[in-house]
Amino acid sequence: VQFVESGGGLVQPGGSLRLSCAASGFTFSMYDMSWYRQAPGKERELVARIFSVGGITNYADSVKGRFTISRDNAKNTVYLQMNDLKPEDTAVYYCNARGKRDYWGQGTQVTVSS
């Protein structure tokens, strides 16, 4: 199983970033895909999830209306579009696949600062 995460970086408050997570080694379409994040000194938290069936999504209250999760099963890729970023969004963002097993990406740093 392999994940290639990309799209993180440094952005000013109010800016946007789009994270991508390209997966291989398992049947992507059968797995629920999520983005988690972990800020320094804090526990890892769920940011957004998109289910394998129906494309149903759910979001943490802190990102509702600003972040959008999507998936492309033909490309085995999940995305997180992040708009109106705030300093409190600063964290390492992890891709997660949940199904028969639980798989994690290596993480990508997002820093929101002026």
C-alpha atoms as a PDB file:
ATOM      1  CA  VAL A   1       0.000   0.000   0.000  1.00  0.00           C
ATOM      2  CA  GLN A   2       1.324   3.400  -0.932  1.00  0.00           C
ATOM      3  CA  PHE A   3       0.077   6.967  -0.657  1.00  0.00           C
ATOM      4  CA  VAL A   4       1.530  10.004  -2.394  1.00  0.00           C
ATOM      5  CA  GLU A   5       0.315  13.154  -0.690  1.00  0.00           C
ATOM      6  CA  SER A   6       0.916  16.562  -2.184  1.00  0.00           C
ATOM      7  CA  GLY A   7      -0.315  20.144  -2.142  1.00  0.00           C
ATOM      8  CA  GLY A   8       0.728  21.279   1.299  1.00  0.00           C
ATOM      9  CA  GLY A   9       2.752  24.400   1.951  1.00  0.00           C
ATOM     10  CA  LEU A  10       2.774  27.896   3.383  1.00  0.00           C
ATOM     11  CA  VAL A  11      -0.205  30.150   2.696  1.00  0.00           C
ATOM     12  CA  GLN A  12      -1.451  33.447   4.077  1.00  0.00           C
ATOM     13  CA  PRO A  13      -4.693  33.662   6.057  1.00  0.00           C
ATOM     14  CA  GLY A  14      -7.650  33.723   3.693  1.00  0.00           C
ATOM     15  CA  GLY A  15      -5.760  31.777   1.059  1.00  0.00           C
ATOM     16  CA  SER A  16      -6.449  28.379  -0.481  1.00  0.00           C
ATOM     17  CA  LEU A  17      -4.693  25.068  -0.925  1.00  0.00           C
ATOM     18  CA  ARG A  18      -5.675  21.790  -2.553  1.00  0.00           C
ATOM     19  CA  LEU A  19      -4.320  18.583  -1.069  1.00  0.00           C
ATOM     20  CA  SER A  20      -4.130  15.402  -3.123  1.00  0.00           C
ATOM     21  CA  CYS A  21      -3.591  11.820  -2.021  1.00  0.00           C
ATOM     22  CA  ALA A  22      -2.918   9.242  -4.722  1.00  0.00           C
ATOM     23  CA  ALA A  23      -3.282   5.695  -3.438  1.00  0.00           C
ATOM     24  CA  SER A  24      -2.221   2.282  -4.678  1.00  0.00           C
ATOM     25  CA  GLY A  25      -2.079  -1.293  -3.425  1.00  0.00           C
ATOM     26  CA  PHE A  26      -5.710  -1.732  -2.424  1.00  0.00           C
ATOM     27  CA  THR A  27      -9.175  -1.453  -3.973  1.00  0.00           C
ATOM     28  CA  PHE A  28      -9.575   2.287  -3.598  1.00  0.00           C
ATOM     29  CA  SER A  29     -13.229   2.429  -4.621  1.00  0.00           C
ATOM     30  CA  MET A  30     -14.240   0.134  -1.758  1.00  0.00           C
ATOM     31  CA  TYR A  31     -12.674   2.261   0.952  1.00  0.00           C
ATOM     32  CA  ASP A  32     -13.958   5.278   2.811  1.00  0.00           C
ATOM     33  CA  MET A  33     -11.376   8.027   2.442  1.00  0.00           C
ATOM     34  CA  SER A  34     -10.630  10.715   4.975  1.00  0.00           C
ATOM     35  CA  TRP A  35      -8.332  13.578   5.792  1.00  0.00           C
ATOM     36  CA  TYR A  36      -7.120  13.965   9.364  1.00  0.00           C
ATOM     37  CA  ARG A  37      -4.853  16.617  10.817  1.00  0.00           C
ATOM     38  CA  GLN A  38      -2.594  16.949  13.808  1.00  0.00           C
ATOM     39  CA  ALA A  39      -1.351  20.256  15.162  1.00  0.00           C
ATOM     40  CA  PRO A  40       1.641  20.459  17.522  1.00  0.00           C
ATOM     41  CA  GLY A  41       0.675  19.363  21.019  1.00  0.00           C
ATOM     42  CA  LYS A  42      -2.794  18.255  19.932  1.00  0.00           C
ATOM     43  CA  GLU A  43      -4.430  14.942  19.117  1.00  0.00           C
ATOM     44  CA  ARG A  44      -5.078  13.870  15.560  1.00  0.00           C
ATOM     45  CA  GLU A  45      -8.577  14.892  14.479  1.00  0.00           C
ATOM     46  CA  LEU A  46     -10.881  14.020  11.618  1.00  0.00           C
ATOM     47  CA  VAL A  47     -11.236  16.865   9.130  1.00  0.00           C
ATOM     48  CA  ALA A  48     -13.405  15.338   6.411  1.00  0.00           C
ATOM     49  CA  ARG A  49     -14.573  11.943   5.164  1.00  0.00           C
ATOM     50  CA  ILE A  50     -16.062  10.737   1.903  1.00  0.00           C
ATOM     51  CA  PHE A  51     -17.732   7.348   1.926  1.00  0.00           C
ATOM     52  CA  SER A  52     -17.184   4.674  -0.675  1.00  0.00           C
ATOM     53  CA  VAL A  53     -20.914   4.357  -1.307  1.00  0.00           C
ATOM     54  CA  GLY A  54     -22.890   7.304  -2.579  1.00  0.00           C
ATOM     55  CA  GLY A  55     -20.092   9.814  -2.154  1.00  0.00           C
ATOM     56  CA  ILE A  56     -21.573  10.937   1.141  1.00  0.00           C
ATOM     57  CA  THR A  57     -19.367  13.404   2.977  1.00  0.00           C
ATOM     58  CA  ASN A  58     -19.017  14.719   6.476  1.00  0.00           C
ATOM     59  CA  TYR A  59     -16.883  17.437   7.977  1.00  0.00           C
ATOM     60  CA  ALA A  60     -15.570  18.698  11.266  1.00  0.00           C
ATOM     61  CA  ASP A  61     -17.573  21.708  12.430  1.00  0.00           C
ATOM     62  CA  SER A  62     -14.432  23.845  12.304  1.00  0.00           C
ATOM     63  CA  VAL A  63     -14.062  23.418   8.522  1.00  0.00           C
ATOM     64  CA  LYS A  64     -17.667  23.250   7.320  1.00  0.00           C
ATOM     65  CA  GLY A  65     -18.284  25.702   4.501  1.00  0.00           C
ATOM     66  CA  ARG A  66     -14.551  26.184   3.883  1.00  0.00           C
ATOM     67  CA  PHE A  67     -13.215  22.719   3.001  1.00  0.00           C
ATOM     68  CA  THR A  68     -14.459  20.260   0.382  1.00  0.00           C
ATOM     69  CA  ILE A  69     -13.458  16.620   0.112  1.00  0.00           C
ATOM     70  CA  SER A  70     -13.817  14.754  -3.178  1.00  0.00           C
ATOM     71  CA  ARG A  71     -12.573  11.572  -4.794  1.00  0.00           C
ATOM     72  CA  ASP A  72     -11.781  10.267  -8.255  1.00  0.00           C
ATOM     73  CA  ASN A  73     -11.999   6.488  -8.215  1.00  0.00           C
ATOM     74  CA  ALA A  74     -10.608   6.275 -11.746  1.00  0.00           C
ATOM     75  CA  LYS A  75      -7.416   7.948 -10.513  1.00  0.00           C
ATOM     76  CA  ASN A  76      -7.414   6.362  -7.031  1.00  0.00           C
ATOM     77  CA  THR A  77      -7.114   9.852  -5.622  1.00  0.00           C
ATOM     78  CA  VAL A  78      -8.807  11.829  -2.868  1.00  0.00           C
ATOM     79  CA  TYR A  79      -8.668  15.612  -2.661  1.00  0.00           C
ATOM     80  CA  LEU A  80      -9.185  18.260  -0.022  1.00  0.00           C
ATOM     81  CA  GLN A  81      -9.916  21.747  -1.278  1.00  0.00           C
ATOM     82  CA  MET A  82      -9.245  24.208   1.529  1.00  0.00           C
ATOM     83  CA  ASN A  83     -10.472  27.778   1.211  1.00  0.00           C
ATOM     84  CA  ASP A  84     -10.421  30.743   3.572  1.00  0.00           C
ATOM     85  CA  LEU A  85      -7.598  29.180   5.533  1.00  0.00           C
ATOM     86  CA  LYS A  86      -6.997  30.307   9.091  1.00  0.00           C
ATOM     87  CA  PRO A  87      -3.898  30.098  11.312  1.00  0.00           C
ATOM     88  CA  GLU A  88      -5.678  27.430  13.381  1.00  0.00           C
ATOM     89  CA  ASP A  89      -5.737  25.192  10.287  1.00  0.00           C
ATOM     90  CA  THR A  90      -1.961  24.848  10.596  1.00  0.00           C
ATOM     91  CA  ALA A  91      -1.185  21.147  11.031  1.00  0.00           C
ATOM     92  CA  VAL A  92       0.162  18.044   9.369  1.00  0.00           C
ATOM     93  CA  TYR A  93      -2.629  16.625   7.191  1.00  0.00           C
ATOM     94  CA  TYR A  94      -2.909  12.867   6.768  1.00  0.00           C
ATOM     95  CA  CYS A  95      -4.757  10.813   4.201  1.00  0.00           C
ATOM     96  CA  ASN A  96      -6.596   7.774   5.596  1.00  0.00           C
ATOM     97  CA  ALA A  97      -8.276   4.785   3.967  1.00  0.00           C
ATOM     98  CA  ARG A  98     -10.775   2.815   6.031  1.00  0.00           C
ATOM     99  CA  GLY A  99     -12.172  -0.501   4.909  1.00  0.00           C
ATOM    100  CA  LYS A 100     -11.093  -4.074   5.496  1.00  0.00           C
ATOM    101  CA  ARG A 101      -7.964  -2.474   6.908  1.00  0.00           C
ATOM    102  CA  ASP A 102      -6.907   0.981   7.972  1.00  0.00           C
ATOM    103  CA  TYR A 103      -4.158   2.710   5.998  1.00  0.00           C
ATOM    104  CA  TRP A 104      -2.400   6.055   6.572  1.00  0.00           C
ATOM    105  CA  GLY A 105      -0.396   8.414   4.408  1.00  0.00           C
ATOM    106  CA  GLN A 106       2.861   9.988   5.538  1.00  0.00           C
ATOM    107  CA  GLY A 107       1.356  13.451   6.030  1.00  0.00           C
ATOM    108  CA  THR A 108       1.825  16.838   4.412  1.00  0.00           C
ATOM    109  CA  GLN A 109       2.467  20.081   6.267  1.00  0.00           C
ATOM    110  CA  VAL A 110       0.035  22.977   5.945  1.00  0.00           C
ATOM    111  CA  THR A 111       1.096  26.269   7.498  1.00  0.00           C
ATOM    112  CA  VAL A 112      -1.189  29.295   7.538  1.00  0.00           C
ATOM    113  CA  SER A 113       0.693  32.415   8.503  1.00  0.00           C
ATOM    114  CA  SER A 114       1.217  35.985   7.452  1.00  0.00           C
END
